[in-house]
C-alpha atoms as a PDB file:
ATOM      1  CA  UNK A   1      18.972 -14.904  -0.698  1.00  0.00           C
ATOM      2  CA  UNK A   2      20.805 -12.129   1.083  1.00  0.00           C
ATOM      3  CA  UNK A   3      18.725 -10.227   3.618  1.00  0.00           C
ATOM      4  CA  UNK A   4      21.213  -7.346   3.611  1.00  0.00           C
ATOM      5  CA  UNK A   5      19.751  -4.390   1.742  1.00  0.00           C
ATOM      6  CA  UNK A   6      21.775  -2.759  -1.023  1.00  0.00           C
ATOM      7  CA  UNK A   7      20.462   0.638  -0.032  1.00  0.00           C
ATOM      8  CA  UNK A   8      19.210   2.039   3.274  1.00  0.00           C
ATOM      9  CA  UNK A   9      17.773   5.536   3.178  1.00  0.00           C
ATOM     10  CA  UNK A  10      16.084   7.644   5.836  1.00  0.00           C
ATOM     11  CA  UNK A  11      13.481  10.068   4.515  1.00  0.00           C
ATOM     12  CA  UNK A  12      13.255  12.549   7.361  1.00  0.00           C
ATOM     13  CA  UNK A  13      10.358  14.586   5.981  1.00  0.00           C
ATOM     14  CA  UNK A  14       8.065  11.558   5.643  1.00  0.00           C
ATOM     15  CA  UNK A  15       9.644   9.694   8.614  1.00  0.00           C
ATOM     16  CA  UNK A  16      10.187   6.567   6.516  1.00  0.00           C
ATOM     17  CA  UNK A  17      13.129   4.174   6.358  1.00  0.00           C
ATOM     18  CA  UNK A  18      13.556   2.708   2.856  1.00  0.00           C
ATOM     19  CA  UNK A  19      15.276  -0.623   2.312  1.00  0.00           C
ATOM     20  CA  UNK A  20      16.110  -1.760  -1.201  1.00  0.00           C
ATOM     21  CA  UNK A  21      17.385  -5.252  -2.035  1.00  0.00           C
ATOM     22  CA  UNK A  22      19.340  -6.714  -4.949  1.00  0.00           C
ATOM     23  CA  UNK A  23      16.304  -8.731  -6.101  1.00  0.00           C
ATOM     24  CA  UNK A  24      14.257  -5.540  -6.520  1.00  0.00           C
ATOM     25  CA  UNK A  25      12.335  -5.890  -3.252  1.00  0.00           C
ATOM     26  CA  UNK A  26      11.773  -2.550  -1.551  1.00  0.00           C
ATOM     27  CA  UNK A  27      10.255  -1.807   1.844  1.00  0.00           C
ATOM     28  CA  UNK A  28       9.074   1.566   3.138  1.00  0.00           C
ATOM     29  CA  UNK A  29       8.945   1.314   6.925  1.00  0.00           C
ATOM     30  CA  UNK A  30       7.439   4.269   8.826  1.00  0.00           C
ATOM     31  CA  UNK A  31       9.202   5.428  11.991  1.00  0.00           C
ATOM     32  CA  UNK A  32       6.083   4.760  14.081  1.00  0.00           C
ATOM     33  CA  UNK A  33       5.942   1.156  12.839  1.00  0.00           C
ATOM     34  CA  UNK A  34       9.643   0.622  13.576  1.00  0.00           C
ATOM     35  CA  UNK A  35       9.289   2.198  17.040  1.00  0.00           C
ATOM     36  CA  UNK A  36       6.323   0.064  18.117  1.00  0.00           C
ATOM     37  CA  UNK A  37       8.057  -3.081  16.818  1.00  0.00           C
ATOM     38  CA  UNK A  38      11.449  -2.283  18.298  1.00  0.00           C
ATOM     39  CA  UNK A  39      13.353  -5.451  19.194  1.00  0.00           C
ATOM     40  CA  UNK A  40      14.439  -3.886  22.517  1.00  0.00           C
ATOM     41  CA  UNK A  41      13.660  -5.357  25.932  1.00  0.00           C
ATOM     42  CA  UNK A  42      11.621  -2.218  26.686  1.00  0.00           C
ATOM     43  CA  UNK A  43       9.175  -3.143  23.909  1.00  0.00           C
ATOM     44  CA  UNK A  44       9.502  -6.912  23.859  1.00  0.00           C
ATOM     45  CA  UNK A  45       9.235  -7.133  27.635  1.00  0.00           C
ATOM     46  CA  UNK A  46      10.199 -10.331  29.368  1.00  0.00           C
ATOM     47  CA  UNK A  47       8.217 -12.840  27.358  1.00  0.00           C
ATOM     48  CA  UNK A  48       5.305 -10.500  26.626  1.00  0.00           C
ATOM     49  CA  UNK A  49       5.269  -7.455  24.329  1.00  0.00           C
ATOM     50  CA  UNK A  50       4.674  -4.079  25.963  1.00  0.00           C
ATOM     51  CA  UNK A  51       2.080  -2.090  24.009  1.00  0.00           C
ATOM     52  CA  UNK A  52       3.631   1.157  22.764  1.00  0.00           C
ATOM     53  CA  UNK A  53       1.255   4.113  22.626  1.00  0.00           C
ATOM     54  CA  UNK A  54       1.475   7.740  21.536  1.00  0.00           C
ATOM     55  CA  UNK A  55       4.103   7.118  18.841  1.00  0.00           C
ATOM     56  CA  UNK A  56       2.375   8.600  15.758  1.00  0.00           C
ATOM     57  CA  UNK A  57       4.704  11.647  15.661  1.00  0.00           C
ATOM     58  CA  UNK A  58       7.951   9.815  16.481  1.00  0.00           C
ATOM     59  CA  UNK A  59      10.926  10.492  14.230  1.00  0.00           C
ATOM     60  CA  UNK A  60      14.182   8.644  13.635  1.00  0.00           C
ATOM     61  CA  UNK A  61      16.922  11.117  14.497  1.00  0.00           C
ATOM     62  CA  UNK A  62      19.889   8.903  13.621  1.00  0.00           C
ATOM     63  CA  UNK A  63      20.973   5.477  12.406  1.00  0.00           C
ATOM     64  CA  UNK A  64      24.086   3.669  13.632  1.00  0.00           C
ATOM     65  CA  UNK A  65      25.712   0.643  12.058  1.00  0.00           C
ATOM     66  CA  UNK A  66      26.107  -2.388  14.320  1.00  0.00           C
ATOM     67  CA  UNK A  67      28.799  -4.552  12.778  1.00  0.00           C
ATOM     68  CA  UNK A  68      27.753  -6.092   9.478  1.00  0.00           C
ATOM     69  CA  UNK A  69      24.518  -7.568  10.778  1.00  0.00           C
ATOM     70  CA  UNK A  70      22.296  -4.750  12.053  1.00  0.00           C
ATOM     71  CA  UNK A  71      21.519  -1.087  12.616  1.00  0.00           C
ATOM     72  CA  UNK A  72      20.493   0.788  15.729  1.00  0.00           C
ATOM     73  CA  UNK A  73      17.752   3.371  15.329  1.00  0.00           C
ATOM     74  CA  UNK A  74      17.752   6.408  17.592  1.00  0.00           C
ATOM     75  CA  UNK A  75      14.291   7.911  17.971  1.00  0.00           C
ATOM     76  CA  UNK A  76      13.454  11.435  19.045  1.00  0.00           C
ATOM     77  CA  UNK A  77      11.412  10.158  22.012  1.00  0.00           C
ATOM     78  CA  UNK A  78      14.680   8.970  23.586  1.00  0.00           C
ATOM     79  CA  UNK A  79      14.338   5.313  22.626  1.00  0.00           C
ATOM     80  CA  UNK A  80      17.698   4.040  21.391  1.00  0.00           C
ATOM     81  CA  UNK A  81      18.148   0.496  22.642  1.00  0.00           C
ATOM     82  CA  UNK A  82      16.695  -1.493  19.728  1.00  0.00           C
ATOM     83  CA  UNK A  83      19.174  -3.363  17.527  1.00  0.00           C
ATOM     84  CA  UNK A  84      17.439  -4.136  14.215  1.00  0.00           C
ATOM     85  CA  UNK A  85      19.160  -7.062  12.491  1.00  0.00           C
ATOM     86  CA  UNK A  86      18.955  -7.219   8.709  1.00  0.00           C
ATOM     87  CA  UNK A  87      16.841 -10.375   9.032  1.00  0.00           C
ATOM     88  CA  UNK A  88      14.436  -8.674  11.454  1.00  0.00           C
ATOM     89  CA  UNK A  89      14.055  -5.624   9.179  1.00  0.00           C
ATOM     90  CA  UNK A  90      13.315  -7.902   6.226  1.00  0.00           C
ATOM     91  CA  UNK A  91      10.754  -9.767   8.334  1.00  0.00           C
ATOM     92  CA  UNK A  92       9.113  -6.472   9.379  1.00  0.00           C
ATOM     93  CA  UNK A  93       8.904  -5.423   5.738  1.00  0.00           C
ATOM     94  CA  UNK A  94       7.487  -8.754   4.622  1.00  0.00           C
ATOM     95  CA  UNK A  95       4.891  -8.787   7.404  1.00  0.00           C
ATOM     96  CA  UNK A  96       4.218  -5.051   7.564  1.00  0.00           C
ATOM     97  CA  UNK A  97       0.534  -5.112   6.600  1.00  0.00           C
ATOM     98  CA  UNK A  98      -0.442  -7.853   9.071  1.00  0.00           C
ATOM     99  CA  UNK A  99       1.742  -6.505  11.881  1.00  0.00           C
ATOM    100  CA  UNK A 100       0.261  -3.015  11.482  1.00  0.00           C
ATOM    101  CA  UNK A 101      -3.268  -4.433  11.630  1.00  0.00           C
ATOM    102  CA  UNK A 102      -2.327  -6.433  14.738  1.00  0.00           C
ATOM    103  CA  UNK A 103      -0.898  -3.312  16.381  1.00  0.00           C
ATOM    104  CA  UNK A 104      -4.022  -1.251  15.694  1.00  0.00           C
ATOM    105  CA  UNK A 105      -6.192  -4.095  17.046  1.00  0.00           C
ATOM    106  CA  UNK A 106      -4.066  -4.283  20.224  1.00  0.00           C
ATOM    107  CA  UNK A 107      -4.323  -0.507  20.656  1.00  0.00           C
ATOM    108  CA  UNK A 108      -8.088  -0.642  20.369  1.00  0.00           C
ATOM    109  CA  UNK A 109      -8.416  -3.548  22.801  1.00  0.00           C
ATOM    110  CA  UNK A 110      -6.025  -1.912  25.258  1.00  0.00           C
ATOM    111  CA  UNK A 111      -7.580   1.542  25.086  1.00  0.00           C
ATOM    112  CA  UNK A 112      -4.342   3.018  23.728  1.00  0.00           C
ATOM    113  CA  UNK A 113      -3.809   5.900  21.349  1.00  0.00           C
ATOM    114  CA  UNK A 114      -1.429   6.505  18.465  1.00  0.00           C
ATOM    115  CA  UNK A 115      -1.254  10.212  19.300  1.00  0.00           C
ATOM    116  CA  UNK A 116       0.699  11.341  22.345  1.00  0.00           C
ATOM    117  CA  UNK A 117      -1.200  12.813  25.269  1.00  0.00           C
ATOM    118  CA  UNK A 118      -1.039  16.595  25.663  1.00  0.00           C
ATOM    119  CA  UNK A 119       1.759  17.799  27.977  1.00  0.00           C
ATOM    120  CA  UNK A 120       0.825  17.655  31.637  1.00  0.00           C
ATOM    121  CA  UNK A 121      -1.771  14.896  31.248  1.00  0.00           C
ATOM    122  CA  UNK A 122      -1.559  11.281  32.259  1.00  0.00           C
ATOM    123  CA  UNK A 123      -3.582   8.335  31.019  1.00  0.00           C
ATOM    124  CA  UNK A 124      -5.120   5.913  33.465  1.00  0.00           C
ATOM    125  CA  UNK A 125      -7.134   2.859  32.665  1.00  0.00           C
ATOM    126  CA  UNK A 126     -10.243   2.409  34.755  1.00  0.00           C
ATOM    127  CA  UNK A 127     -11.295  -1.177  35.283  1.00  0.00           C
ATOM    128  CA  UNK A 128     -15.027  -1.701  35.426  1.00  0.00           C
ATOM    129  CA  UNK A 129     -16.302  -4.094  38.121  1.00  0.00           C
END
């Protein structure tokens, strides 16, 4: 089965990337989901994922083709280093429900927020003794 979608469409108003496959499979991947699961070193860290917070309003401002195997998503928060292979995008679509639940659980445990902080504020985490 080919993991290369027949159609890739960015819906700017809803901030959703649609992927449609020859077998009829279709994934609707929100920009926030794609941003927090970016395959970049910034997000993946060095062996441990870095929790992304404040990304609810993020938008995809552009998509670039990377050879025949991937796309690069450029987000309006400046993030542009993630190369999303066709296989990885298919995996994200197939695992979207569980991955989203995992992300929300990690946010809750880590005290993070989906909404960005107001300008001029900074979050700090206070450790209790």
